[in-house]
Amino acid sequence: MKILLWILSLSVAVTASEIALPDNFKADFTQKITNVKKSSINYSGKVRFSDKRFLKWEYLKPTKKEVCTDGLELKVVDHDLEQVSSYYINKGFNFAKILKKAKKHSKNIYVAHYQNRSYTIQVNSKKQLQSIAYFDDLDNKVQIVFKSIQYGKGKLSKKSMQCYSPKNYDKIEG
C-alpha cells in the first residue's frame, strides 16, 4: 500500500525540464513491481491526469481497483474487497520537482535525483513520457510504462477524475 500511496500522490507541473507534459493526459499503463527476491507482480489499467494535481488510476488486472488523488487526499476503491480507503497525503511524490531535476542521460533517457531516490524517465522522440522506473522504500523495483497516451489541453472534468464506490462498501480512513 505504501508503494501505491507514494506513486499516486503525484502532482505534475506542465513547464518542467525538456520533458513535454500537457494540461492533461489519458493513457493505458502497465506497472511491474519486482522485489529483492526477483518475484514480481504485474498490473495494468488506465490512468488520467489533469490540472497539475488530479490523478486517477484504474487498475483492471489482476485486480479491479481505482485510485484517485487531488494532491491532498488519496482515495482507494478496491472493488474485489468491496472496500474504500481514504488517506491524507503528508509526503507526496512531486513529479514536477523530479522533472526539473532530470538530467539527460542519453537520447531519450533522463535521470533525476529527488528525496534520496533516483528516477529513470524514458521519453519518445517528441519528449513525451513513456516510462518511469525507480526503487521504492522497500527496495522493490517499480516500472510504469505508458501506452496509447493522449495529450490534451485544458482540464478534464472533475467527475471523470473521481473514484466512485457503492454505498455498501466498507470504509477505512487513515
N, C-alpha and C. Protein backbone atom coordinates (compact mmCIF):
# COMPACT_ATOMS: atom_id res chain seq x y z
N MET A 1 0.82 -1.19 0.00
CA MET A 1 0.00 0.00 0.00
C MET A 1 0.87 1.25 0.00
N LYS A 2 2.03 1.18 0.68
CA LYS A 2 2.92 2.33 0.75
C LYS A 2 3.39 2.71 -0.66
N ILE A 3 3.68 1.70 -1.47
CA ILE A 3 4.10 1.95 -2.85
C ILE A 3 3.01 2.69 -3.59
N LEU A 4 1.80 2.21 -3.47
CA LEU A 4 0.67 2.81 -4.14
C LEU A 4 0.47 4.25 -3.71
N LEU A 5 0.52 4.52 -2.42
CA LEU A 5 0.37 5.89 -1.93
C LEU A 5 1.45 6.79 -2.49
N TRP A 6 2.65 6.30 -2.51
CA TRP A 6 3.77 7.11 -2.94
C TRP A 6 3.67 7.42 -4.43
N ILE A 7 3.36 6.43 -5.23
CA ILE A 7 3.25 6.64 -6.66
C ILE A 7 2.10 7.57 -7.01
N LEU A 8 1.01 7.41 -6.34
CA LEU A 8 -0.21 8.05 -6.78
C LEU A 8 -0.47 9.44 -6.25
N SER A 9 0.38 9.89 -5.39
CA SER A 9 0.18 11.23 -4.85
C SER A 9 0.94 12.26 -5.67
N LEU A 10 1.14 11.95 -6.93
CA LEU A 10 1.93 12.85 -7.73
C LEU A 10 1.18 14.09 -8.18
N SER A 11 1.91 15.20 -8.22
CA SER A 11 1.36 16.43 -8.77
C SER A 11 2.33 16.90 -9.84
N VAL A 12 1.83 17.22 -11.02
CA VAL A 12 2.67 17.48 -12.17
C VAL A 12 2.53 18.91 -12.64
N ALA A 13 3.62 19.57 -12.89
CA ALA A 13 3.59 20.91 -13.49
C ALA A 13 3.92 20.76 -14.97
N VAL A 14 3.36 21.59 -15.77
CA VAL A 14 3.48 21.47 -17.21
C VAL A 14 4.83 21.99 -17.72
N THR A 15 5.44 22.90 -17.02
CA THR A 15 6.66 23.53 -17.51
C THR A 15 7.89 23.02 -16.78
N ALA A 16 8.18 21.76 -16.89
CA ALA A 16 9.35 21.21 -16.22
C ALA A 16 10.29 20.58 -17.23
N SER A 17 11.59 20.82 -17.05
CA SER A 17 12.62 20.19 -17.84
C SER A 17 12.32 20.28 -19.33
N GLU A 18 12.91 19.37 -20.09
CA GLU A 18 12.63 19.29 -21.52
C GLU A 18 11.50 18.31 -21.80
N ILE A 19 11.06 17.62 -20.81
CA ILE A 19 10.05 16.58 -20.98
C ILE A 19 8.69 17.23 -21.14
N ALA A 20 8.00 16.91 -22.22
CA ALA A 20 6.72 17.54 -22.54
C ALA A 20 5.59 16.91 -21.72
N LEU A 21 4.92 17.72 -20.91
CA LEU A 21 3.74 17.28 -20.19
C LEU A 21 2.62 18.27 -20.48
N PRO A 22 1.46 17.77 -20.81
CA PRO A 22 0.35 18.63 -21.19
C PRO A 22 -0.48 19.05 -19.97
N ASP A 23 -1.54 19.79 -20.24
CA ASP A 23 -2.51 20.14 -19.19
C ASP A 23 -3.17 18.87 -18.66
N ASN A 24 -3.41 17.91 -19.56
CA ASN A 24 -4.00 16.64 -19.15
C ASN A 24 -3.48 15.54 -20.05
N PHE A 25 -3.62 14.31 -19.59
CA PHE A 25 -3.37 13.17 -20.46
C PHE A 25 -4.16 11.97 -19.98
N LYS A 26 -4.39 11.07 -20.92
CA LYS A 26 -5.02 9.78 -20.66
C LYS A 26 -4.10 8.74 -21.28
N ALA A 27 -3.96 7.60 -20.63
CA ALA A 27 -3.09 6.56 -21.16
C ALA A 27 -3.46 5.21 -20.58
N ASP A 28 -3.06 4.17 -21.28
CA ASP A 28 -3.07 2.83 -20.73
C ASP A 28 -1.72 2.68 -20.03
N PHE A 29 -1.66 1.84 -19.01
CA PHE A 29 -0.38 1.64 -18.34
C PHE A 29 -0.22 0.19 -17.93
N THR A 30 1.04 -0.19 -17.78
CA THR A 30 1.41 -1.44 -17.14
C THR A 30 2.38 -1.05 -16.02
N GLN A 31 2.26 -1.73 -14.92
CA GLN A 31 3.13 -1.46 -13.78
C GLN A 31 3.67 -2.80 -13.30
N LYS A 32 4.99 -2.87 -13.22
CA LYS A 32 5.64 -4.09 -12.76
C LYS A 32 6.41 -3.76 -11.49
N ILE A 33 6.14 -4.51 -10.45
CA ILE A 33 6.84 -4.35 -9.18
C ILE A 33 7.61 -5.64 -8.91
N THR A 34 8.93 -5.51 -8.77
CA THR A 34 9.79 -6.67 -8.56
C THR A 34 10.50 -6.52 -7.22
N ASN A 35 10.37 -7.54 -6.37
CA ASN A 35 11.02 -7.45 -5.05
C ASN A 35 12.47 -7.94 -5.12
N VAL A 36 13.16 -7.87 -4.00
CA VAL A 36 14.58 -8.23 -3.95
C VAL A 36 14.82 -9.71 -4.25
N LYS A 37 13.80 -10.54 -4.10
CA LYS A 37 13.93 -11.96 -4.40
C LYS A 37 13.59 -12.26 -5.86
N LYS A 38 13.42 -11.20 -6.65
CA LYS A 38 13.11 -11.29 -8.09
C LYS A 38 11.70 -11.79 -8.38
N SER A 39 10.84 -11.81 -7.38
CA SER A 39 9.44 -12.14 -7.59
C SER A 39 8.73 -10.85 -8.02
N SER A 40 7.83 -10.96 -8.99
CA SER A 40 7.19 -9.73 -9.48
C SER A 40 5.69 -9.90 -9.63
N ILE A 41 5.03 -8.77 -9.66
CA ILE A 41 3.60 -8.71 -9.92
C ILE A 41 3.38 -7.65 -10.98
N ASN A 42 2.48 -7.93 -11.89
CA ASN A 42 2.17 -7.00 -12.98
C ASN A 42 0.75 -6.50 -12.87
N TYR A 43 0.59 -5.22 -13.02
CA TYR A 43 -0.71 -4.57 -13.02
C TYR A 43 -0.92 -3.91 -14.37
N SER A 44 -2.17 -3.71 -14.74
CA SER A 44 -2.45 -2.94 -15.96
C SER A 44 -3.77 -2.21 -15.79
N GLY A 45 -3.92 -1.15 -16.55
CA GLY A 45 -5.14 -0.38 -16.47
C GLY A 45 -5.04 0.92 -17.24
N LYS A 46 -5.76 1.92 -16.75
CA LYS A 46 -5.82 3.23 -17.41
C LYS A 46 -5.50 4.30 -16.38
N VAL A 47 -4.90 5.38 -16.86
CA VAL A 47 -4.57 6.49 -15.98
C VAL A 47 -5.01 7.79 -16.64
N ARG A 48 -5.45 8.73 -15.80
CA ARG A 48 -5.82 10.08 -16.25
C ARG A 48 -5.12 11.08 -15.35
N PHE A 49 -4.67 12.17 -15.96
CA PHE A 49 -4.03 13.25 -15.23
C PHE A 49 -4.65 14.57 -15.69
N SER A 50 -4.89 15.48 -14.73
CA SER A 50 -5.47 16.77 -15.09
C SER A 50 -5.15 17.83 -14.05
N ASP A 51 -5.02 19.05 -14.51
CA ASP A 51 -4.96 20.23 -13.64
C ASP A 51 -3.83 20.18 -12.62
N LYS A 52 -2.67 19.72 -13.02
CA LYS A 52 -1.44 19.69 -12.22
C LYS A 52 -1.49 18.84 -10.96
N ARG A 53 -2.65 18.40 -10.52
CA ARG A 53 -2.68 17.64 -9.26
C ARG A 53 -3.68 16.48 -9.25
N PHE A 54 -4.64 16.45 -10.15
CA PHE A 54 -5.63 15.37 -10.14
C PHE A 54 -5.10 14.18 -10.93
N LEU A 55 -5.21 13.02 -10.32
CA LEU A 55 -4.72 11.81 -10.93
C LEU A 55 -5.69 10.68 -10.61
N LYS A 56 -5.99 9.88 -11.61
CA LYS A 56 -6.88 8.74 -11.40
C LYS A 56 -6.28 7.53 -12.11
N TRP A 57 -6.05 6.48 -11.32
CA TRP A 57 -5.56 5.20 -11.84
C TRP A 57 -6.70 4.21 -11.75
N GLU A 58 -6.98 3.53 -12.84
CA GLU A 58 -7.98 2.46 -12.86
C GLU A 58 -7.24 1.16 -13.13
N TYR A 59 -7.02 0.39 -12.08
CA TYR A 59 -6.38 -0.91 -12.22
C TYR A 59 -7.43 -1.90 -12.69
N LEU A 60 -7.13 -2.60 -13.76
CA LEU A 60 -8.08 -3.57 -14.32
C LEU A 60 -7.62 -5.01 -14.11
N LYS A 61 -6.31 -5.24 -14.09
CA LYS A 61 -5.75 -6.58 -13.91
C LYS A 61 -4.55 -6.48 -12.99
N PRO A 62 -4.28 -7.40 -12.12
CA PRO A 62 -5.02 -8.62 -11.85
C PRO A 62 -6.22 -8.38 -10.93
N THR A 63 -6.33 -7.19 -10.36
CA THR A 63 -7.48 -6.87 -9.52
C THR A 63 -8.13 -5.60 -10.04
N LYS A 64 -9.38 -5.39 -9.69
CA LYS A 64 -10.08 -4.18 -10.10
C LYS A 64 -10.05 -3.19 -8.94
N LYS A 65 -9.40 -2.03 -9.21
CA LYS A 65 -9.19 -1.05 -8.18
C LYS A 65 -9.12 0.33 -8.82
N GLU A 66 -9.60 1.35 -8.13
CA GLU A 66 -9.47 2.73 -8.58
C GLU A 66 -8.72 3.50 -7.50
N VAL A 67 -7.82 4.36 -7.94
CA VAL A 67 -7.06 5.19 -7.03
C VAL A 67 -7.13 6.62 -7.55
N CYS A 68 -7.60 7.54 -6.71
CA CYS A 68 -7.75 8.94 -7.11
C CYS A 68 -7.10 9.85 -6.09
N THR A 69 -6.50 10.93 -6.58
CA THR A 69 -5.92 11.92 -5.69
C THR A 69 -6.10 13.32 -6.25
N ASP A 70 -6.20 14.27 -5.34
CA ASP A 70 -6.24 15.68 -5.70
C ASP A 70 -4.97 16.37 -5.19
N GLY A 71 -3.98 15.59 -4.81
CA GLY A 71 -2.74 16.11 -4.27
C GLY A 71 -2.76 16.26 -2.76
N LEU A 72 -3.93 16.26 -2.16
CA LEU A 72 -4.07 16.39 -0.71
C LEU A 72 -4.61 15.12 -0.07
N GLU A 73 -5.51 14.46 -0.78
CA GLU A 73 -6.14 13.25 -0.26
C GLU A 73 -6.05 12.15 -1.31
N LEU A 74 -5.92 10.93 -0.84
CA LEU A 74 -5.85 9.77 -1.71
C LEU A 74 -7.01 8.85 -1.37
N LYS A 75 -7.74 8.43 -2.38
CA LYS A 75 -8.88 7.53 -2.17
C LYS A 75 -8.63 6.26 -3.00
N VAL A 76 -8.74 5.11 -2.34
CA VAL A 76 -8.54 3.82 -2.98
C VAL A 76 -9.84 3.03 -2.88
N VAL A 77 -10.38 2.66 -4.03
CA VAL A 77 -11.60 1.85 -4.07
C VAL A 77 -11.21 0.48 -4.60
N ASP A 78 -11.25 -0.51 -3.72
CA ASP A 78 -10.90 -1.88 -4.09
C ASP A 78 -12.21 -2.63 -4.31
N HIS A 79 -12.54 -2.85 -5.58
CA HIS A 79 -13.81 -3.48 -5.91
C HIS A 79 -13.83 -4.97 -5.56
N ASP A 80 -12.67 -5.62 -5.57
CA ASP A 80 -12.62 -7.03 -5.19
C ASP A 80 -12.89 -7.21 -3.70
N LEU A 81 -12.37 -6.31 -2.88
CA LEU A 81 -12.58 -6.38 -1.44
C LEU A 81 -13.83 -5.62 -0.98
N GLU A 82 -14.46 -4.88 -1.90
CA GLU A 82 -15.60 -4.03 -1.58
C GLU A 82 -15.25 -3.11 -0.41
N GLN A 83 -14.15 -2.37 -0.63
CA GLN A 83 -13.60 -1.53 0.43
C GLN A 83 -13.12 -0.20 -0.14
N VAL A 84 -13.34 0.88 0.62
CA VAL A 84 -12.87 2.22 0.25
C VAL A 84 -11.95 2.72 1.35
N SER A 85 -10.74 3.13 0.98
CA SER A 85 -9.79 3.68 1.94
C SER A 85 -9.47 5.11 1.54
N SER A 86 -9.43 5.99 2.53
CA SER A 86 -9.08 7.40 2.29
C SER A 86 -7.91 7.77 3.18
N TYR A 87 -6.96 8.51 2.62
CA TYR A 87 -5.77 8.93 3.34
C TYR A 87 -5.46 10.38 3.01
N TYR A 88 -4.94 11.11 3.98
CA TYR A 88 -4.39 12.43 3.71
C TYR A 88 -2.92 12.25 3.41
N ILE A 89 -2.44 12.97 2.43
CA ILE A 89 -1.06 12.83 1.98
C ILE A 89 -0.19 13.83 2.72
N ASN A 90 0.86 13.33 3.37
CA ASN A 90 1.76 14.26 4.06
C ASN A 90 3.10 14.39 3.35
N LYS A 91 3.48 13.41 2.57
CA LYS A 91 4.72 13.48 1.81
C LYS A 91 4.45 12.89 0.45
N GLY A 92 4.26 13.73 -0.51
CA GLY A 92 3.88 13.25 -1.82
C GLY A 92 5.04 13.07 -2.77
N PHE A 93 4.73 12.52 -3.89
CA PHE A 93 5.64 12.29 -5.00
C PHE A 93 5.46 13.48 -5.91
N ASN A 94 6.35 14.47 -5.85
CA ASN A 94 6.20 15.70 -6.61
C ASN A 94 6.90 15.55 -7.94
N PHE A 95 6.14 15.13 -8.94
CA PHE A 95 6.70 14.84 -10.25
C PHE A 95 7.29 16.09 -10.91
N ALA A 96 6.70 17.24 -10.67
CA ALA A 96 7.22 18.48 -11.24
C ALA A 96 8.65 18.72 -10.78
N LYS A 97 8.91 18.55 -9.50
CA LYS A 97 10.26 18.75 -8.98
C LYS A 97 11.22 17.69 -9.51
N ILE A 98 10.72 16.47 -9.65
CA ILE A 98 11.55 15.40 -10.21
C ILE A 98 11.95 15.77 -11.64
N LEU A 99 11.00 16.22 -12.43
CA LEU A 99 11.30 16.58 -13.82
C LEU A 99 12.27 17.75 -13.90
N LYS A 100 12.14 18.71 -13.02
CA LYS A 100 13.06 19.85 -13.02
C LYS A 100 14.49 19.41 -12.74
N LYS A 101 14.64 18.35 -11.98
CA LYS A 101 15.97 17.85 -11.65
C LYS A 101 16.49 16.84 -12.68
N ALA A 102 15.64 16.46 -13.63
CA ALA A 102 16.03 15.45 -14.61
C ALA A 102 17.15 15.95 -15.51
N LYS A 103 18.16 15.14 -15.63
CA LYS A 103 19.31 15.43 -16.50
C LYS A 103 19.34 14.40 -17.61
N LYS A 104 19.60 14.88 -18.80
CA LYS A 104 19.65 13.98 -19.95
C LYS A 104 20.80 12.99 -19.78
N HIS A 105 20.47 11.72 -19.92
CA HIS A 105 21.46 10.66 -19.79
C HIS A 105 21.86 10.13 -21.17
N SER A 106 20.87 10.00 -22.03
CA SER A 106 21.09 9.58 -23.41
C SER A 106 19.97 10.18 -24.26
N LYS A 107 19.86 9.75 -25.48
CA LYS A 107 18.91 10.35 -26.42
C LYS A 107 17.50 10.50 -25.85
N ASN A 108 16.96 9.46 -25.25
CA ASN A 108 15.58 9.53 -24.74
C ASN A 108 15.45 9.11 -23.27
N ILE A 109 16.57 9.12 -22.56
CA ILE A 109 16.57 8.72 -21.15
C ILE A 109 17.04 9.91 -20.30
N TYR A 110 16.28 10.16 -19.23
CA TYR A 110 16.63 11.18 -18.25
C TYR A 110 16.75 10.51 -16.90
N VAL A 111 17.62 11.06 -16.05
CA VAL A 111 17.78 10.57 -14.69
C VAL A 111 17.59 11.75 -13.75
N ALA A 112 16.79 11.54 -12.72
CA ALA A 112 16.56 12.59 -11.73
C ALA A 112 16.83 12.03 -10.35
N HIS A 113 17.39 12.87 -9.48
CA HIS A 113 17.63 12.51 -8.08
C HIS A 113 16.78 13.45 -7.25
N TYR A 114 15.89 12.86 -6.44
CA TYR A 114 14.97 13.65 -5.64
C TYR A 114 14.66 12.90 -4.36
N GLN A 115 14.77 13.55 -3.22
CA GLN A 115 14.49 12.97 -1.90
C GLN A 115 15.16 11.61 -1.73
N ASN A 116 16.47 11.58 -1.97
CA ASN A 116 17.29 10.38 -1.79
C ASN A 116 16.85 9.19 -2.64
N ARG A 117 16.28 9.48 -3.78
CA ARG A 117 15.83 8.42 -4.68
C ARG A 117 16.19 8.81 -6.12
N SER A 118 16.52 7.83 -6.93
CA SER A 118 16.81 8.07 -8.35
C SER A 118 15.65 7.57 -9.20
N TYR A 119 15.35 8.35 -10.21
CA TYR A 119 14.27 8.03 -11.14
C TYR A 119 14.85 7.98 -12.55
N THR A 120 14.47 6.97 -13.28
CA THR A 120 14.84 6.89 -14.69
C THR A 120 13.57 7.14 -15.49
N ILE A 121 13.63 8.16 -16.35
CA ILE A 121 12.45 8.59 -17.11
C ILE A 121 12.77 8.42 -18.58
N GLN A 122 11.91 7.70 -19.28
CA GLN A 122 12.10 7.50 -20.71
C GLN A 122 11.04 8.28 -21.46
N VAL A 123 11.46 8.96 -22.53
CA VAL A 123 10.54 9.75 -23.36
C VAL A 123 10.66 9.29 -24.81
N ASN A 124 9.66 9.66 -25.62
CA ASN A 124 9.73 9.35 -27.05
C ASN A 124 10.41 10.50 -27.80
N SER A 125 10.40 10.46 -29.11
CA SER A 125 11.08 11.48 -29.92
C SER A 125 10.47 12.87 -29.76
N LYS A 126 9.21 12.94 -29.30
CA LYS A 126 8.55 14.23 -29.07
C LYS A 126 8.73 14.70 -27.63
N LYS A 127 9.59 14.02 -26.87
CA LYS A 127 9.84 14.32 -25.45
C LYS A 127 8.61 14.07 -24.59
N GLN A 128 7.76 13.15 -25.02
CA GLN A 128 6.58 12.78 -24.25
C GLN A 128 6.91 11.55 -23.40
N LEU A 129 6.34 11.54 -22.22
CA LEU A 129 6.57 10.49 -21.24
C LEU A 129 6.23 9.11 -21.79
N GLN A 130 7.15 8.16 -21.58
CA GLN A 130 6.89 6.77 -21.96
C GLN A 130 6.95 5.83 -20.76
N SER A 131 7.91 6.07 -19.86
CA SER A 131 8.00 5.19 -18.69
C SER A 131 8.77 5.88 -17.56
N ILE A 132 8.54 5.35 -16.36
CA ILE A 132 9.23 5.81 -15.16
C ILE A 132 9.65 4.57 -14.39
N ALA A 133 10.88 4.57 -13.90
CA ALA A 133 11.35 3.44 -13.09
C ALA A 133 12.10 3.98 -11.88
N TYR A 134 11.96 3.29 -10.75
CA TYR A 134 12.63 3.68 -9.51
C TYR A 134 12.57 2.52 -8.53
N PHE A 135 13.30 2.66 -7.43
CA PHE A 135 13.22 1.71 -6.34
C PHE A 135 12.45 2.37 -5.20
N ASP A 136 11.47 1.66 -4.65
CA ASP A 136 10.65 2.23 -3.58
C ASP A 136 11.32 2.04 -2.21
N ASP A 137 10.62 2.41 -1.15
CA ASP A 137 11.16 2.35 0.20
C ASP A 137 11.46 0.92 0.67
N LEU A 138 10.88 -0.08 0.01
CA LEU A 138 11.11 -1.47 0.38
C LEU A 138 12.10 -2.15 -0.56
N ASP A 139 12.82 -1.36 -1.35
CA ASP A 139 13.77 -1.83 -2.36
C ASP A 139 13.14 -2.64 -3.46
N ASN A 140 11.85 -2.46 -3.67
CA ASN A 140 11.17 -3.04 -4.82
C ASN A 140 11.47 -2.18 -6.03
N LYS A 141 11.72 -2.81 -7.16
CA LYS A 141 11.89 -2.07 -8.41
C LYS A 141 10.49 -1.84 -8.98
N VAL A 142 10.17 -0.59 -9.26
CA VAL A 142 8.87 -0.23 -9.80
C VAL A 142 9.07 0.34 -11.19
N GLN A 143 8.37 -0.21 -12.17
CA GLN A 143 8.43 0.34 -13.52
C GLN A 143 7.00 0.52 -14.03
N ILE A 144 6.72 1.74 -14.48
CA ILE A 144 5.42 2.07 -15.04
C ILE A 144 5.64 2.46 -16.49
N VAL A 145 4.95 1.78 -17.39
CA VAL A 145 5.05 2.05 -18.82
C VAL A 145 3.71 2.58 -19.30
N PHE A 146 3.75 3.71 -20.01
CA PHE A 146 2.55 4.34 -20.54
C PHE A 146 2.42 4.02 -22.02
N LYS A 147 1.19 3.66 -22.45
CA LYS A 147 0.92 3.35 -23.85
C LYS A 147 -0.33 4.09 -24.28
N SER A 148 -0.46 4.31 -25.56
CA SER A 148 -1.64 4.98 -26.14
C SER A 148 -1.93 6.29 -25.43
N ILE A 149 -0.89 7.08 -25.20
CA ILE A 149 -1.05 8.34 -24.49
C ILE A 149 -1.76 9.36 -25.38
N GLN A 150 -2.76 10.01 -24.79
CA GLN A 150 -3.48 11.09 -25.45
C GLN A 150 -3.23 12.36 -24.65
N TYR A 151 -2.41 13.26 -25.18
CA TYR A 151 -2.13 14.53 -24.52
C TYR A 151 -3.24 15.52 -24.89
N GLY A 152 -3.63 16.36 -23.93
CA GLY A 152 -4.69 17.32 -24.19
C GLY A 152 -4.44 18.66 -23.53
N LYS A 153 -5.26 19.63 -23.91
CA LYS A 153 -5.19 20.97 -23.33
C LYS A 153 -6.41 21.18 -22.45
N GLY A 154 -6.25 22.00 -21.42
CA GLY A 154 -7.35 22.27 -20.50
C GLY A 154 -7.49 21.17 -19.48
N LYS A 155 -8.51 21.29 -18.66
CA LYS A 155 -8.75 20.34 -17.57
C LYS A 155 -9.74 19.27 -18.00
N LEU A 156 -9.55 18.06 -17.49
CA LEU A 156 -10.56 17.02 -17.63
C LEU A 156 -11.65 17.33 -16.60
N SER A 157 -12.85 16.86 -16.85
CA SER A 157 -13.93 17.14 -15.91
C SER A 157 -13.62 16.53 -14.54
N LYS A 158 -14.02 17.23 -13.48
CA LYS A 158 -13.79 16.72 -12.12
C LYS A 158 -14.46 15.37 -11.93
N LYS A 159 -15.62 15.20 -12.54
CA LYS A 159 -16.36 13.95 -12.43
C LYS A 159 -15.52 12.77 -12.97
N SER A 160 -14.83 13.00 -14.08
CA SER A 160 -14.02 11.92 -14.67
C SER A 160 -12.78 11.60 -13.85
N MET A 161 -12.43 12.47 -12.91
CA MET A 161 -11.24 12.28 -12.09
C MET A 161 -11.56 11.72 -10.71
N GLN A 162 -12.81 11.48 -10.42
CA GLN A 162 -13.21 11.00 -9.09
C GLN A 162 -13.42 9.49 -9.08
N CYS A 163 -13.17 8.90 -7.92
CA CYS A 163 -13.44 7.49 -7.70
C CYS A 163 -14.83 7.38 -7.08
N TYR A 164 -15.61 6.49 -7.59
CA TYR A 164 -16.95 6.26 -7.03
C TYR A 164 -17.05 4.84 -6.53
N SER A 165 -17.81 4.66 -5.46
CA SER A 165 -17.98 3.33 -4.90
C SER A 165 -19.40 3.16 -4.40
N PRO A 166 -19.88 1.93 -4.45
CA PRO A 166 -21.21 1.67 -3.90
C PRO A 166 -21.25 2.00 -2.40
N LYS A 167 -22.39 2.40 -1.92
CA LYS A 167 -22.55 2.79 -0.52
C LYS A 167 -22.32 1.64 0.45
N ASN A 168 -22.49 0.41 -0.02
CA ASN A 168 -22.34 -0.73 0.88
C ASN A 168 -20.89 -1.18 1.08
N TYR A 169 -19.92 -0.54 0.43
CA TYR A 169 -18.51 -0.89 0.62
C TYR A 169 -18.07 -0.46 2.01
N ASP A 170 -17.18 -1.24 2.63
CA ASP A 170 -16.57 -0.87 3.91
C ASP A 170 -15.71 0.37 3.72
N LYS A 171 -15.68 1.24 4.73
CA LYS A 171 -14.92 2.48 4.64
C LYS A 171 -13.80 2.47 5.69
N ILE A 172 -12.60 2.84 5.25
CA ILE A 172 -11.44 2.93 6.13
C ILE A 172 -10.81 4.30 5.93
N GLU A 173 -10.59 5.00 7.03
CA GLU A 173 -9.96 6.33 6.93
C GLU A 173 -8.65 6.28 7.68
N GLY A 174 -7.60 6.79 7.02
CA GLY A 174 -6.27 6.74 7.63
C GLY A 174 -5.62 8.07 7.72
